[in-house]
Amino acid sequence: MPEIKSILVTGSNGQLGQSLTSLSLDYPQYQFTFVNRDDLDLSNMNSVSEYFKNNQFDLIINCAAYTAVDKAEQEQELADAINHLAVKQLAKITQDQASILIHISTDYVFDGTNHKPYVENDKINPQSVYGISKLKGELAIQSIAPKAIIIRTSWVYSEYGNNFVKTMLRLGRERESLNVIFDQIGSPTYAKDLADSILQMVVSFTAYSNVFQQESVHLYHYSNEGVCSWYDFAKAIFELSNIACTVSAIESKDYPTPAKRPHYSVLNKAKIKQNFDLTIPYWKDSLQACLKNLQKG
């Protein structure tokens, strides 16, 4: 296993990208390069080609994605360009440069009809343009990249950007009551926990050299521990923040959206925990940590 020294992180302005930027200071043994859309436009194939003509890395962590789930129903080409075609191009670049790719995917590759947490080889059946574009990215990596890790995650939130936690904090202070969906079940993911786990995995590549003994693509699931609905999540946000906003539970049919979302997308994390000896925090503990950081900020 060649030693990893240089790491490129795409999507540095996103939640995971900013979390990795913050944590990278704890890993001085690596030379990190963080790029956003201005530095590397993944929707433009020429931009990607030109960038990698002059830059080579041992590892690429692809945090960039088109994540506007509902908007994707109208912007199919753009979603496909970023979530599929650019990923295919990155996979080819890691092949050419003999480097490793870590790519972030989503629970939306599943249709949500399971009644137990999804394992990595469960049937994939995305129900939205966003989910389809992310799945096509996964399949491109599996067919091209010599050494790669795909991590599917769900319900990502953080101190950065726009996300459910920050939206609920804003609405909870503006309104006396809110309606929140209770029939979509999953697990929140604190971006800092995912970023921390990714960096621990990178350190482990040498220690666990069997991870990449031969050319292969590994698929993992990651979210915080525990299960909740969006309703439960909202209630916890308000309780931990001492916000007196009444939350009423509604069904998905009462809040129609352009994109269909999985009703159940809990991810089984046994494989990633076992292979990399990871301890994953409970979702409510991580939520509390995020809310504390938001209060400080």
Protein backbone atom coordinates (compact mmCIF):
# COMPACT_ATOMS: atom_id res chain seq x y z
CA MET A 1 0.00 0.00 0.00
CA PRO A 2 1.69 3.26 -1.11
CA GLU A 3 1.96 5.97 1.51
CA ILE A 4 -0.63 8.72 1.34
CA LYS A 5 0.83 12.22 1.55
CA SER A 6 -1.30 14.51 -0.65
CA ILE A 7 -5.09 14.69 -0.32
CA LEU A 8 -7.53 16.64 -2.48
CA VAL A 9 -10.93 17.48 -0.99
CA THR A 10 -13.57 18.63 -3.48
CA GLY A 11 -16.69 20.52 -2.45
CA SER A 12 -14.82 22.43 0.25
CA ASN A 13 -17.71 24.90 0.72
CA GLY A 14 -20.19 22.15 1.57
CA GLN A 15 -21.03 20.78 5.00
CA LEU A 16 -18.65 17.81 4.84
CA GLY A 17 -15.97 19.81 3.05
CA GLN A 18 -15.96 22.49 5.73
CA SER A 19 -15.95 19.86 8.48
CA LEU A 20 -12.91 18.19 6.88
CA THR A 21 -11.20 21.58 6.55
CA SER A 22 -11.68 22.18 10.27
CA LEU A 23 -10.41 18.72 11.29
CA SER A 24 -7.49 18.66 8.85
CA LEU A 25 -5.43 20.75 11.28
CA ASP A 26 -5.25 17.64 13.49
CA TYR A 27 -3.58 15.67 10.68
CA PRO A 28 -0.34 17.53 9.87
CA GLN A 29 1.14 14.38 8.28
CA TYR A 30 -0.97 15.03 5.17
CA GLN A 31 -0.82 17.84 2.65
CA PHE A 32 -4.42 18.87 2.09
CA THR A 33 -5.75 20.82 -0.89
CA PHE A 34 -9.33 22.07 -0.60
CA VAL A 35 -11.15 23.14 -3.75
CA ASN A 36 -14.61 24.61 -4.33
CA ARG A 37 -16.57 25.22 -7.52
CA ASP A 38 -14.45 28.28 -8.39
CA ASP A 39 -11.26 26.18 -8.33
CA LEU A 40 -12.68 23.02 -9.89
CA ASP A 41 -16.05 23.12 -11.63
CA LEU A 42 -17.29 19.52 -11.66
CA SER A 43 -20.18 20.41 -13.96
CA ASN A 44 -17.58 21.25 -16.65
CA MET A 45 -15.58 18.30 -18.01
CA ASN A 46 -12.91 20.60 -19.50
CA SER A 47 -12.42 22.27 -16.11
CA VAL A 48 -11.81 18.87 -14.52
CA SER A 49 -9.39 17.73 -17.25
CA GLU A 50 -7.39 20.96 -17.09
CA TYR A 51 -7.15 20.88 -13.30
CA PHE A 52 -5.70 17.37 -13.18
CA LYS A 53 -3.23 18.02 -15.99
CA ASN A 54 -1.33 20.17 -13.49
CA ASN A 55 -2.23 18.51 -10.20
CA GLN A 56 -1.70 15.00 -8.87
CA PHE A 57 -2.80 13.55 -5.52
CA ASP A 58 -2.49 10.28 -3.63
CA LEU A 59 -6.10 10.48 -2.48
CA ILE A 60 -9.21 12.34 -3.65
CA ILE A 61 -12.09 12.80 -1.19
CA ASN A 62 -15.08 13.80 -3.30
CA CYS A 63 -17.50 15.80 -1.15
CA ALA A 64 -18.89 17.76 -4.08
CA ALA A 65 -22.43 16.92 -5.12
CA TYR A 66 -25.64 18.30 -6.52
CA THR A 67 -27.88 17.97 -3.45
CA ALA A 68 -30.99 20.03 -4.28
CA VAL A 69 -33.22 16.95 -4.22
CA ASP A 70 -36.46 18.61 -5.39
CA LYS A 71 -34.79 20.98 -7.86
CA ALA A 72 -33.08 17.99 -9.48
CA GLU A 73 -36.45 16.86 -10.85
CA GLN A 74 -36.26 19.88 -13.20
CA GLU A 75 -32.44 20.10 -13.47
CA GLN A 76 -31.77 16.52 -14.51
CA GLU A 77 -28.82 17.33 -16.77
CA LEU A 78 -27.01 19.38 -14.13
CA ALA A 79 -27.61 16.75 -11.41
CA ASP A 80 -26.29 14.06 -13.75
CA ALA A 81 -23.27 16.15 -14.76
CA ILE A 82 -22.13 16.61 -11.15
CA ASN A 83 -23.31 13.40 -9.48
CA HIS A 84 -22.55 11.01 -12.33
CA LEU A 85 -20.39 12.31 -15.20
CA ALA A 86 -17.93 14.23 -12.99
CA VAL A 87 -17.65 11.23 -10.68
CA LYS A 88 -16.95 9.02 -13.70
CA GLN A 89 -14.22 11.47 -14.70
CA LEU A 90 -12.71 11.44 -11.19
CA ALA A 91 -12.72 7.63 -11.23
CA LYS A 92 -10.81 7.70 -14.54
CA ILE A 93 -8.33 10.23 -13.10
CA THR A 94 -7.62 7.99 -10.08
CA GLN A 95 -7.05 5.16 -12.56
CA ASP A 96 -4.59 7.29 -14.59
CA GLN A 97 -2.80 8.70 -11.53
CA ALA A 98 -2.82 5.41 -9.53
CA SER A 99 -4.53 7.18 -6.64
CA ILE A 100 -7.42 6.36 -4.30
CA LEU A 101 -10.94 7.82 -4.40
CA ILE A 102 -13.28 8.26 -1.44
CA HIS A 103 -16.74 9.23 -2.67
CA ILE A 104 -19.82 10.22 -0.68
CA SER A 105 -23.15 8.77 -1.78
CA THR A 106 -26.65 8.67 -0.31
CA ASP A 107 -29.47 6.64 1.22
CA TYR A 108 -31.61 7.84 -1.73
CA VAL A 109 -30.25 4.96 -3.83
CA PHE A 110 -32.81 2.82 -1.94
CA ASP A 111 -36.60 2.92 -2.41
CA GLY A 112 -37.32 2.92 1.34
CA THR A 113 -39.48 -0.23 1.40
CA ASN A 114 -37.18 -2.14 3.77
CA HIS A 115 -38.24 -2.88 7.33
CA LYS A 116 -34.73 -3.39 8.69
CA PRO A 117 -31.57 -1.29 8.27
CA TYR A 118 -30.11 -1.43 4.77
CA VAL A 119 -26.85 -3.32 4.30
CA GLU A 120 -24.45 -2.45 1.50
CA ASN A 121 -25.56 -5.18 -0.92
CA ASP A 122 -29.33 -4.65 -0.50
CA LYS A 123 -31.32 -4.00 -3.66
CA ILE A 124 -30.87 -0.50 -5.06
CA ASN A 125 -33.94 1.21 -6.50
CA PRO A 126 -33.75 5.04 -6.44
CA GLN A 127 -37.09 6.88 -6.72
CA SER A 128 -35.86 10.38 -7.61
CA VAL A 129 -33.67 12.09 -10.20
CA TYR A 130 -31.20 12.90 -7.42
CA GLY A 131 -31.09 9.26 -6.27
CA ILE A 132 -30.66 8.00 -9.84
CA SER A 133 -27.79 10.44 -10.50
CA LYS A 134 -26.01 9.38 -7.30
CA LEU A 135 -26.43 5.69 -8.13
CA LYS A 136 -25.00 6.25 -11.62
CA GLY A 137 -21.97 7.85 -9.93
CA GLU A 138 -21.55 4.78 -7.71
CA LEU A 139 -21.78 2.42 -10.69
CA ALA A 140 -19.21 4.47 -12.64
CA ILE A 141 -16.74 4.18 -9.77
CA GLN A 142 -17.34 0.45 -9.47
CA SER A 143 -16.64 -0.06 -13.17
CA ILE A 144 -13.60 2.23 -13.50
CA ALA A 145 -11.76 3.14 -10.27
CA PRO A 146 -8.95 0.75 -9.32
CA LYS A 147 -9.07 1.63 -5.62
CA ALA A 148 -12.05 3.39 -4.12
CA ILE A 149 -14.36 3.65 -1.14
CA ILE A 150 -17.98 4.70 -1.55
CA ILE A 151 -19.70 5.87 1.65
CA ARG A 152 -23.48 6.16 1.63
CA THR A 153 -24.79 8.54 4.27
CA SER A 154 -28.10 10.17 5.24
CA TRP A 155 -29.72 13.29 6.69
CA VAL A 156 -26.48 15.31 6.89
CA TYR A 157 -26.40 18.44 9.06
CA SER A 158 -23.71 20.64 10.59
CA GLU A 159 -22.85 24.15 11.72
CA TYR A 160 -22.27 25.05 8.06
CA GLY A 161 -24.54 25.91 5.15
CA ASN A 162 -28.25 25.13 4.94
CA ASN A 163 -29.62 22.04 6.63
CA PHE A 164 -32.59 20.74 8.62
CA VAL A 165 -31.18 21.69 12.03
CA LYS A 166 -30.53 25.31 11.09
CA THR A 167 -33.89 25.59 9.32
CA MET A 168 -35.72 24.25 12.39
CA LEU A 169 -33.85 26.65 14.70
CA ARG A 170 -34.88 29.57 12.51
CA LEU A 171 -38.51 28.49 12.09
CA GLY A 172 -38.84 27.48 15.75
CA ARG A 173 -37.91 31.01 16.82
CA GLU A 174 -40.21 32.60 14.22
CA ARG A 175 -43.34 30.50 14.76
CA GLU A 176 -45.40 29.11 17.60
CA SER A 177 -46.08 25.79 15.86
CA LEU A 178 -44.76 23.66 13.00
CA ASN A 179 -45.91 20.57 11.11
CA VAL A 180 -43.16 17.98 10.54
CA ILE A 181 -43.29 14.64 8.72
CA PHE A 182 -43.32 11.56 10.97
CA ASP A 183 -43.54 8.73 8.40
CA GLN A 184 -40.01 9.09 6.97
CA ILE A 185 -37.60 7.17 9.19
CA GLY A 186 -33.82 7.36 9.08
CA SER A 187 -30.71 8.41 10.97
CA PRO A 188 -29.22 11.91 11.08
CA THR A 189 -25.52 12.31 10.29
CA TYR A 190 -23.45 15.04 11.91
CA ALA A 191 -20.97 16.06 9.19
CA LYS A 192 -18.17 16.43 11.77
CA ASP A 193 -18.58 12.77 12.82
CA LEU A 194 -18.48 11.61 9.21
CA ALA A 195 -15.43 13.79 8.49
CA ASP A 196 -13.68 12.47 11.59
CA SER A 197 -14.42 8.87 10.56
CA ILE A 198 -13.15 9.46 7.01
CA LEU A 199 -9.84 10.81 8.35
CA GLN A 200 -9.56 7.87 10.75
CA MET A 201 -10.11 5.57 7.77
CA VAL A 202 -7.35 7.31 5.82
CA VAL A 203 -4.94 6.77 8.72
CA SER A 204 -6.06 3.13 8.80
CA PHE A 205 -5.28 2.48 5.13
CA THR A 206 -1.70 1.58 6.01
CA ALA A 207 -2.52 -0.24 9.25
CA TYR A 208 -5.33 -2.18 7.59
CA SER A 209 -3.43 -2.81 4.37
CA ASN A 210 -5.85 -5.65 3.55
CA VAL A 211 -8.43 -2.96 2.69
CA PHE A 212 -6.66 -2.40 -0.62
CA GLN A 213 -4.64 -5.59 -1.06
CA GLN A 214 -5.86 -5.79 -4.62
CA GLU A 215 -7.55 -3.30 -6.86
CA SER A 216 -11.08 -3.03 -5.55
CA VAL A 217 -14.01 -0.75 -4.73
CA HIS A 218 -15.44 -0.95 -1.21
CA LEU A 219 -18.96 0.13 -0.30
CA TYR A 220 -19.87 1.30 3.22
CA HIS A 221 -22.79 2.84 5.09
CA TYR A 222 -22.38 5.64 7.63
CA SER A 223 -24.75 7.68 9.76
CA ASN A 224 -25.00 8.38 13.44
CA GLU A 225 -26.31 5.59 15.67
CA GLY A 226 -30.01 5.37 16.44
CA VAL A 227 -33.20 5.90 14.47
CA CYS A 228 -35.77 8.71 14.31
CA SER A 229 -38.34 10.42 12.13
CA TRP A 230 -38.05 14.02 10.95
CA TYR A 231 -40.70 14.78 13.61
CA ASP A 232 -38.53 13.22 16.35
CA PHE A 233 -35.52 15.10 15.02
CA ALA A 234 -37.35 18.45 15.13
CA LYS A 235 -38.64 17.77 18.65
CA ALA A 236 -35.10 17.01 19.85
CA ILE A 237 -33.73 20.20 18.25
CA PHE A 238 -36.31 22.33 20.09
CA GLU A 239 -35.94 20.49 23.41
CA LEU A 240 -32.14 20.75 23.42
CA SER A 241 -32.32 24.42 22.38
CA ASN A 242 -35.11 25.36 24.84
CA ILE A 243 -37.29 26.61 21.99
CA ALA A 244 -41.01 26.66 22.84
CA CYS A 245 -42.41 25.68 19.46
CA THR A 246 -45.21 23.11 19.22
CA VAL A 247 -44.47 20.35 16.70
CA SER A 248 -47.33 18.43 15.09
CA ALA A 249 -46.75 15.14 13.26
CA ILE A 250 -47.99 14.94 9.66
CA GLU A 251 -47.75 12.32 6.90
CA SER A 252 -45.69 12.71 3.72
CA LYS A 253 -48.92 12.97 1.70
CA ASP A 254 -49.78 16.12 3.67
CA TYR A 255 -46.53 17.76 2.53
CA PRO A 256 -46.06 16.78 -1.13
CA THR A 257 -42.64 17.42 -2.71
CA PRO A 258 -41.48 17.15 -6.35
CA ALA A 259 -39.02 14.34 -5.46
CA LYS A 260 -40.13 11.11 -3.83
CA ARG A 261 -38.19 10.35 -0.64
CA PRO A 262 -37.62 6.94 0.95
CA HIS A 263 -40.02 6.24 3.83
CA TYR A 264 -37.40 4.10 5.58
CA SER A 265 -33.68 4.54 4.93
CA VAL A 266 -31.90 3.48 8.11
CA LEU A 267 -28.37 2.34 7.22
CA ASN A 268 -26.67 -0.67 8.79
CA LYS A 269 -23.16 0.44 9.81
CA ALA A 270 -21.75 -2.89 11.06
CA LYS A 271 -19.32 -3.25 8.14
CA ILE A 272 -17.60 0.16 8.45
CA LYS A 273 -17.42 -0.13 12.25
CA GLN A 274 -15.83 -3.57 12.05
CA ASN A 275 -13.41 -2.92 9.19
CA PHE A 276 -12.08 0.37 10.59
CA ASP A 277 -12.70 -0.09 14.33
CA LEU A 278 -14.89 3.02 14.40
CA THR A 279 -17.04 4.18 17.29
CA ILE A 280 -20.04 6.11 15.98
CA PRO A 281 -21.86 8.53 18.32
CA TYR A 282 -25.60 8.39 19.03
CA TRP A 283 -27.50 10.93 16.92
CA LYS A 284 -28.88 12.91 19.85
CA ASP A 285 -25.43 13.29 21.46
CA SER A 286 -24.02 14.61 18.20
CA LEU A 287 -26.99 16.93 17.76
CA GLN A 288 -26.28 18.38 21.19
CA ALA A 289 -22.61 18.92 20.26
CA CYS A 290 -23.62 20.70 17.03
CA LEU A 291 -26.13 22.93 18.83
CA LYS A 292 -23.47 23.91 21.38
CA ASN A 293 -21.11 24.89 18.57
CA LEU A 294 -23.86 26.92 16.90
CA GLN A 295 -24.52 28.77 20.17
CA LYS A 296 -20.81 29.60 20.45
CA GLY A 297 -20.69 30.82 16.86
